[in-house]
Every structure is written in C-alpha cells, then in structure tokens.
Amino acid sequence: MVKRNAWLYLRARTPEMLNMEQTFLMNYAKEAGYDVKAIVTDYTPGWSGLHHMCHDGAVSDALLISSWNWLGKDLAEKMQTMAYLQNRGVEVKNARDPYMSLDQALSFARSAATMPQLTVDMD
C-alpha cells in the first residue's frame, strides 16, 4: 500500500484533551494508510496554527481533523477555509466522519449559510 502524506490538525482546551485527540488521529492515520508529516495544534480559542498551515501552503496532500468545526470560528470562516483547501486540491478527512468528503461538507455549509435565521418573538 502506498502511503499518502498527511498533516494532523488538533484543537483542544486542555493538554489531556489534546493528547487524546492526537492519539485518536494518529490511530486513524495509521489505519487509513497516511504517513503523518507534521502535527499542528491550537488551544481554544486560538486559530493561528490552522491559518499558518493553510496560508503558508504547508499542507499539500491531506489534512486530518476530528471535527469540521475545527476549520473556523464561525460558518463564514469554515466555508472560507474549506474552499481554500478545496482549491488547493488538499484532501481533508474528518476521522469521526470519514465518509463525508470536503466537497460534501462545503456543500452542507453553503446550504446552511443560505437558510434564514430563526427569530423568536418573546412578546
């Protein structure tokens, strides 16, 4: 089996959670046939690692994550990051939902962005 190169992007609130996420993604990478080249981490609410990784062109093959939510602070930023990665031809795999492709996740995000916001009249 030819291994594909991948980067891991981890987000967590505590070092313990970060270790658990890293173990989870490393196991997924091994099972899915990825060779992990680098691990980038951010602690909530920081996003600098993801931005540097994306905008410096560091990720070229695959990016492994454990949640689509890690790709942005809000829906607009998630869509921007997904579109950027899609345009660069980067394969993005969510280890918790490995059957959803980046194209599908971006399509869902775009659909969500067009839905009207619900308002509740408290009167």
N, C-alpha and C. Protein backbone atom coordinates (compact mmCIF):
# COMPACT_ATOMS: atom_id res chain seq x y z
N MET A 1 0.84 -1.18 0.00
CA MET A 1 0.00 0.00 0.00
C MET A 1 0.89 1.25 0.00
N VAL A 2 0.61 2.16 -0.91
CA VAL A 2 1.33 3.42 -0.96
C VAL A 2 0.74 4.37 0.06
N LYS A 3 1.59 4.85 0.94
CA LYS A 3 1.10 5.78 1.97
C LYS A 3 1.03 7.19 1.40
N ARG A 4 -0.01 7.89 1.82
CA ARG A 4 -0.17 9.30 1.44
C ARG A 4 0.30 10.17 2.59
N ASN A 5 0.88 11.30 2.27
CA ASN A 5 1.34 12.24 3.29
C ASN A 5 0.15 12.99 3.87
N ALA A 6 0.22 13.23 5.18
CA ALA A 6 -0.86 13.95 5.84
C ALA A 6 -0.31 14.81 6.97
N TRP A 7 -1.06 15.86 7.25
CA TRP A 7 -0.84 16.70 8.42
C TRP A 7 -2.02 16.46 9.34
N LEU A 8 -1.77 16.53 10.64
CA LEU A 8 -2.84 16.47 11.62
C LEU A 8 -3.07 17.87 12.16
N TYR A 9 -4.35 18.23 12.29
CA TYR A 9 -4.69 19.49 12.94
C TYR A 9 -5.49 19.17 14.18
N LEU A 10 -4.94 19.52 15.34
CA LEU A 10 -5.56 19.23 16.63
C LEU A 10 -6.03 20.51 17.29
N ARG A 11 -7.19 20.42 17.94
CA ARG A 11 -7.70 21.54 18.75
C ARG A 11 -8.19 20.98 20.05
N ALA A 12 -7.90 21.65 21.13
CA ALA A 12 -8.35 21.19 22.45
C ALA A 12 -8.29 22.32 23.44
N ARG A 13 -8.96 22.11 24.57
CA ARG A 13 -8.96 23.10 25.65
C ARG A 13 -7.92 22.79 26.71
N THR A 14 -7.52 21.52 26.80
CA THR A 14 -6.56 21.13 27.83
C THR A 14 -5.50 20.21 27.22
N PRO A 15 -4.33 20.10 27.85
CA PRO A 15 -3.31 19.17 27.35
C PRO A 15 -3.80 17.72 27.31
N GLU A 16 -4.62 17.33 28.27
CA GLU A 16 -5.15 15.96 28.30
C GLU A 16 -6.03 15.70 27.08
N MET A 17 -6.90 16.65 26.78
CA MET A 17 -7.77 16.51 25.61
C MET A 17 -6.94 16.50 24.33
N LEU A 18 -5.90 17.30 24.29
CA LEU A 18 -5.02 17.34 23.13
C LEU A 18 -4.34 15.99 22.93
N ASN A 19 -3.87 15.38 24.00
CA ASN A 19 -3.23 14.06 23.90
C ASN A 19 -4.21 13.01 23.39
N MET A 20 -5.45 13.06 23.89
CA MET A 20 -6.46 12.10 23.43
C MET A 20 -6.76 12.29 21.94
N GLU A 21 -6.87 13.54 21.52
CA GLU A 21 -7.16 13.81 20.10
C GLU A 21 -5.99 13.37 19.23
N GLN A 22 -4.77 13.62 19.68
CA GLN A 22 -3.61 13.21 18.90
C GLN A 22 -3.56 11.69 18.76
N THR A 23 -3.80 10.98 19.85
CA THR A 23 -3.81 9.51 19.79
C THR A 23 -4.88 9.03 18.82
N PHE A 24 -6.08 9.60 18.91
CA PHE A 24 -7.18 9.23 18.02
C PHE A 24 -6.80 9.44 16.55
N LEU A 25 -6.26 10.62 16.24
CA LEU A 25 -5.93 10.91 14.84
C LEU A 25 -4.72 10.10 14.35
N MET A 26 -3.76 9.85 15.21
CA MET A 26 -2.62 9.03 14.81
C MET A 26 -3.08 7.61 14.48
N ASN A 27 -3.98 7.07 15.29
CA ASN A 27 -4.52 5.74 15.02
C ASN A 27 -5.30 5.73 13.70
N TYR A 28 -6.11 6.77 13.49
CA TYR A 28 -6.86 6.86 12.23
C TYR A 28 -5.91 6.93 11.04
N ALA A 29 -4.88 7.76 11.16
CA ALA A 29 -3.91 7.90 10.06
C ALA A 29 -3.26 6.57 9.73
N LYS A 30 -2.86 5.84 10.75
CA LYS A 30 -2.22 4.55 10.54
C LYS A 30 -3.17 3.57 9.84
N GLU A 31 -4.41 3.48 10.34
CA GLU A 31 -5.39 2.57 9.75
C GLU A 31 -5.77 2.95 8.32
N ALA A 32 -5.80 4.25 8.03
CA ALA A 32 -6.21 4.72 6.71
C ALA A 32 -5.03 4.81 5.73
N GLY A 33 -3.82 4.50 6.18
CA GLY A 33 -2.68 4.48 5.27
C GLY A 33 -2.03 5.82 5.03
N TYR A 34 -2.07 6.71 6.00
CA TYR A 34 -1.42 8.01 5.88
C TYR A 34 -0.08 8.00 6.61
N ASP A 35 0.88 8.72 6.06
CA ASP A 35 2.16 8.96 6.71
C ASP A 35 2.12 10.38 7.27
N VAL A 36 2.09 10.50 8.59
CA VAL A 36 1.95 11.82 9.22
C VAL A 36 3.27 12.57 9.13
N LYS A 37 3.24 13.71 8.45
CA LYS A 37 4.43 14.54 8.25
C LYS A 37 4.57 15.61 9.32
N ALA A 38 3.45 16.09 9.85
CA ALA A 38 3.51 17.15 10.86
C ALA A 38 2.20 17.18 11.62
N ILE A 39 2.29 17.71 12.83
CA ILE A 39 1.12 17.90 13.68
C ILE A 39 1.08 19.37 14.09
N VAL A 40 -0.06 20.00 13.84
CA VAL A 40 -0.25 21.39 14.21
C VAL A 40 -1.35 21.43 15.26
N THR A 41 -1.11 22.17 16.34
CA THR A 41 -2.09 22.23 17.42
C THR A 41 -2.48 23.66 17.73
N ASP A 42 -3.70 23.81 18.19
CA ASP A 42 -4.22 25.09 18.68
C ASP A 42 -5.04 24.80 19.92
N TYR A 43 -4.97 25.71 20.85
CA TYR A 43 -5.84 25.64 22.02
C TYR A 43 -6.96 26.64 21.82
N THR A 44 -8.18 26.23 22.12
CA THR A 44 -9.32 27.12 22.01
C THR A 44 -9.06 28.36 22.85
N PRO A 45 -9.28 29.56 22.40
CA PRO A 45 -9.89 29.94 21.13
C PRO A 45 -8.88 30.27 20.03
N GLY A 46 -7.63 29.88 20.15
CA GLY A 46 -6.63 30.22 19.13
C GLY A 46 -6.84 29.49 17.82
N TRP A 47 -6.49 30.14 16.75
CA TRP A 47 -6.61 29.57 15.41
C TRP A 47 -5.36 29.79 14.59
N SER A 48 -4.30 30.27 15.19
CA SER A 48 -3.13 30.68 14.42
C SER A 48 -2.47 29.50 13.71
N GLY A 49 -2.43 28.32 14.33
CA GLY A 49 -1.80 27.17 13.69
C GLY A 49 -2.47 26.79 12.38
N LEU A 50 -3.79 26.77 12.38
CA LEU A 50 -4.53 26.45 11.16
C LEU A 50 -4.28 27.48 10.08
N HIS A 51 -4.30 28.75 10.45
CA HIS A 51 -4.09 29.81 9.46
C HIS A 51 -2.69 29.74 8.87
N HIS A 52 -1.68 29.55 9.71
CA HIS A 52 -0.32 29.44 9.20
C HIS A 52 -0.17 28.22 8.29
N MET A 53 -0.73 27.11 8.72
CA MET A 53 -0.64 25.88 7.95
C MET A 53 -1.28 26.06 6.58
N CYS A 54 -2.44 26.68 6.55
CA CYS A 54 -3.16 26.86 5.28
C CYS A 54 -2.49 27.90 4.39
N HIS A 55 -2.22 29.05 4.94
CA HIS A 55 -1.76 30.16 4.12
C HIS A 55 -0.28 30.12 3.78
N ASP A 56 0.50 29.32 4.50
CA ASP A 56 1.89 29.13 4.13
C ASP A 56 2.05 28.03 3.10
N GLY A 57 0.93 27.40 2.73
CA GLY A 57 0.98 26.34 1.74
C GLY A 57 1.62 25.06 2.26
N ALA A 58 1.65 24.88 3.58
CA ALA A 58 2.33 23.73 4.16
C ALA A 58 1.64 22.42 3.82
N VAL A 59 0.32 22.40 3.85
CA VAL A 59 -0.40 21.17 3.58
C VAL A 59 -0.55 21.01 2.08
N SER A 60 -0.06 19.91 1.56
CA SER A 60 -0.17 19.72 0.12
C SER A 60 -0.95 18.46 -0.24
N ASP A 61 -0.98 17.47 0.64
CA ASP A 61 -1.65 16.22 0.31
C ASP A 61 -2.97 16.06 1.07
N ALA A 62 -2.86 15.85 2.37
CA ALA A 62 -4.07 15.60 3.16
C ALA A 62 -3.98 16.27 4.52
N LEU A 63 -5.14 16.66 5.00
CA LEU A 63 -5.28 17.25 6.33
C LEU A 63 -6.27 16.38 7.09
N LEU A 64 -5.85 15.85 8.23
CA LEU A 64 -6.71 15.00 9.04
C LEU A 64 -7.18 15.79 10.25
N ILE A 65 -8.49 15.77 10.47
CA ILE A 65 -9.10 16.51 11.58
C ILE A 65 -10.07 15.59 12.30
N SER A 66 -10.55 16.02 13.47
CA SER A 66 -11.56 15.22 14.16
C SER A 66 -12.91 15.91 14.20
N SER A 67 -13.01 17.10 13.61
CA SER A 67 -14.28 17.81 13.55
C SER A 67 -14.22 18.87 12.45
N TRP A 68 -15.28 18.96 11.68
CA TRP A 68 -15.35 20.02 10.68
C TRP A 68 -15.35 21.38 11.36
N ASN A 69 -15.83 21.44 12.60
CA ASN A 69 -15.88 22.71 13.33
C ASN A 69 -14.50 23.30 13.57
N TRP A 70 -13.47 22.49 13.52
CA TRP A 70 -12.11 22.99 13.77
C TRP A 70 -11.62 23.88 12.63
N LEU A 71 -12.34 23.94 11.53
CA LEU A 71 -11.86 24.70 10.37
C LEU A 71 -12.24 26.18 10.39
N GLY A 72 -12.88 26.65 11.43
CA GLY A 72 -13.20 28.07 11.51
C GLY A 72 -13.98 28.41 12.76
N LYS A 73 -13.92 29.68 13.12
CA LYS A 73 -14.62 30.15 14.32
C LYS A 73 -16.11 30.25 14.10
N ASP A 74 -16.50 30.54 12.87
CA ASP A 74 -17.91 30.67 12.54
C ASP A 74 -18.12 30.06 11.16
N LEU A 75 -19.36 30.03 10.71
CA LEU A 75 -19.69 29.38 9.45
C LEU A 75 -18.95 30.02 8.27
N ALA A 76 -18.88 31.34 8.25
CA ALA A 76 -18.19 32.02 7.14
C ALA A 76 -16.72 31.63 7.08
N GLU A 77 -16.06 31.58 8.24
CA GLU A 77 -14.64 31.22 8.25
C GLU A 77 -14.45 29.74 7.88
N LYS A 78 -15.35 28.87 8.33
CA LYS A 78 -15.27 27.46 7.96
C LYS A 78 -15.37 27.31 6.44
N MET A 79 -16.33 28.01 5.85
CA MET A 79 -16.51 27.92 4.40
C MET A 79 -15.28 28.46 3.66
N GLN A 80 -14.72 29.54 4.15
CA GLN A 80 -13.53 30.12 3.53
C GLN A 80 -12.36 29.13 3.59
N THR A 81 -12.15 28.52 4.74
CA THR A 81 -11.06 27.56 4.89
C THR A 81 -11.29 26.34 4.02
N MET A 82 -12.53 25.82 4.00
CA MET A 82 -12.84 24.66 3.17
C MET A 82 -12.61 24.97 1.69
N ALA A 83 -13.08 26.12 1.24
CA ALA A 83 -12.91 26.50 -0.16
C ALA A 83 -11.44 26.65 -0.51
N TYR A 84 -10.67 27.23 0.40
CA TYR A 84 -9.23 27.39 0.17
C TYR A 84 -8.56 26.02 0.00
N LEU A 85 -8.86 25.11 0.92
CA LEU A 85 -8.27 23.77 0.85
C LEU A 85 -8.74 23.02 -0.40
N GLN A 86 -10.01 23.16 -0.73
CA GLN A 86 -10.55 22.53 -1.94
C GLN A 86 -9.84 23.05 -3.19
N ASN A 87 -9.66 24.36 -3.28
CA ASN A 87 -8.99 24.96 -4.44
C ASN A 87 -7.53 24.53 -4.57
N ARG A 88 -6.90 24.22 -3.45
CA ARG A 88 -5.51 23.74 -3.46
C ARG A 88 -5.41 22.24 -3.71
N GLY A 89 -6.56 21.57 -3.76
CA GLY A 89 -6.57 20.14 -4.00
C GLY A 89 -6.17 19.31 -2.80
N VAL A 90 -6.32 19.89 -1.60
CA VAL A 90 -5.97 19.18 -0.37
C VAL A 90 -7.13 18.26 0.01
N GLU A 91 -6.82 17.01 0.28
CA GLU A 91 -7.81 16.07 0.77
C GLU A 91 -7.99 16.33 2.27
N VAL A 92 -9.22 16.56 2.70
CA VAL A 92 -9.49 16.77 4.13
C VAL A 92 -10.34 15.60 4.60
N LYS A 93 -9.87 14.95 5.65
CA LYS A 93 -10.60 13.81 6.20
C LYS A 93 -10.92 14.07 7.65
N ASN A 94 -12.19 13.96 7.99
CA ASN A 94 -12.66 14.05 9.36
C ASN A 94 -12.68 12.62 9.89
N ALA A 95 -11.81 12.30 10.82
CA ALA A 95 -11.70 10.93 11.32
C ALA A 95 -12.96 10.45 12.02
N ARG A 96 -13.79 11.36 12.52
CA ARG A 96 -15.04 10.97 13.16
C ARG A 96 -16.17 10.76 12.14
N ASP A 97 -15.99 11.26 10.96
CA ASP A 97 -16.98 11.12 9.89
C ASP A 97 -16.21 10.91 8.58
N PRO A 98 -15.51 9.77 8.44
CA PRO A 98 -14.60 9.57 7.30
C PRO A 98 -15.29 9.44 5.95
N TYR A 99 -16.60 9.25 5.94
CA TYR A 99 -17.28 9.08 4.66
C TYR A 99 -17.76 10.39 4.06
N MET A 100 -17.68 11.48 4.82
CA MET A 100 -18.06 12.79 4.28
C MET A 100 -16.82 13.46 3.69
N SER A 101 -16.91 13.79 2.44
CA SER A 101 -15.79 14.45 1.76
C SER A 101 -15.80 15.95 2.03
N LEU A 102 -14.70 16.58 1.71
CA LEU A 102 -14.62 18.04 1.82
C LEU A 102 -15.68 18.69 0.95
N ASP A 103 -15.88 18.18 -0.25
CA ASP A 103 -16.90 18.74 -1.14
C ASP A 103 -18.29 18.68 -0.50
N GLN A 104 -18.61 17.55 0.13
CA GLN A 104 -19.91 17.42 0.78
C GLN A 104 -20.03 18.37 1.98
N ALA A 105 -18.98 18.44 2.79
CA ALA A 105 -19.02 19.33 3.96
C ALA A 105 -19.18 20.78 3.53
N LEU A 106 -18.48 21.18 2.47
CA LEU A 106 -18.59 22.54 1.97
C LEU A 106 -19.99 22.80 1.41
N SER A 107 -20.55 21.82 0.74
CA SER A 107 -21.90 21.96 0.21
C SER A 107 -22.92 22.14 1.34
N PHE A 108 -22.78 21.34 2.40
CA PHE A 108 -23.67 21.49 3.56
C PHE A 108 -23.51 22.86 4.21
N ALA A 109 -22.27 23.30 4.34
CA ALA A 109 -22.01 24.61 4.95
C ALA A 109 -22.64 25.73 4.12
N ARG A 110 -22.51 25.63 2.80
CA ARG A 110 -23.11 26.66 1.93
C ARG A 110 -24.62 26.64 2.03
N SER A 111 -25.20 25.45 2.14
CA SER A 111 -26.66 25.37 2.31
C SER A 111 -27.09 26.00 3.63
N ALA A 112 -26.34 25.72 4.68
CA ALA A 112 -26.65 26.29 5.99
C ALA A 112 -26.55 27.81 5.97
N ALA A 113 -25.60 28.33 5.21
CA ALA A 113 -25.41 29.78 5.14
C ALA A 113 -26.57 30.48 4.46
N THR A 114 -27.31 29.76 3.61
CA THR A 114 -28.42 30.38 2.89
C THR A 114 -29.75 30.26 3.62
N MET A 115 -29.76 29.47 4.70
CA MET A 115 -31.00 29.30 5.45
C MET A 115 -31.31 30.57 6.24
N PRO A 116 -32.59 30.93 6.30
CA PRO A 116 -32.94 32.11 7.08
C PRO A 116 -32.71 31.85 8.56
N GLN A 117 -32.29 32.88 9.24
CA GLN A 117 -32.07 32.78 10.68
C GLN A 117 -33.41 32.75 11.39
N LEU A 118 -33.52 31.88 12.38
CA LEU A 118 -34.75 31.81 13.15
C LEU A 118 -34.75 32.91 14.20
N THR A 119 -35.88 33.55 14.36
CA THR A 119 -36.02 34.55 15.41
C THR A 119 -37.20 34.13 16.28
N VAL A 120 -37.10 34.43 17.52
CA VAL A 120 -38.16 34.09 18.45
C VAL A 120 -38.76 35.38 19.00
N ASP A 121 -40.05 35.51 18.83
CA ASP A 121 -40.76 36.68 19.37
C ASP A 121 -41.13 36.37 20.80
N MET A 122 -40.57 37.11 21.73
CA MET A 122 -40.80 36.84 23.14
C MET A 122 -42.01 37.58 23.69
N ASP A 123 -42.76 38.31 22.86
CA ASP A 123 -43.94 39.05 23.34
C ASP A 123 -45.14 38.17 23.47
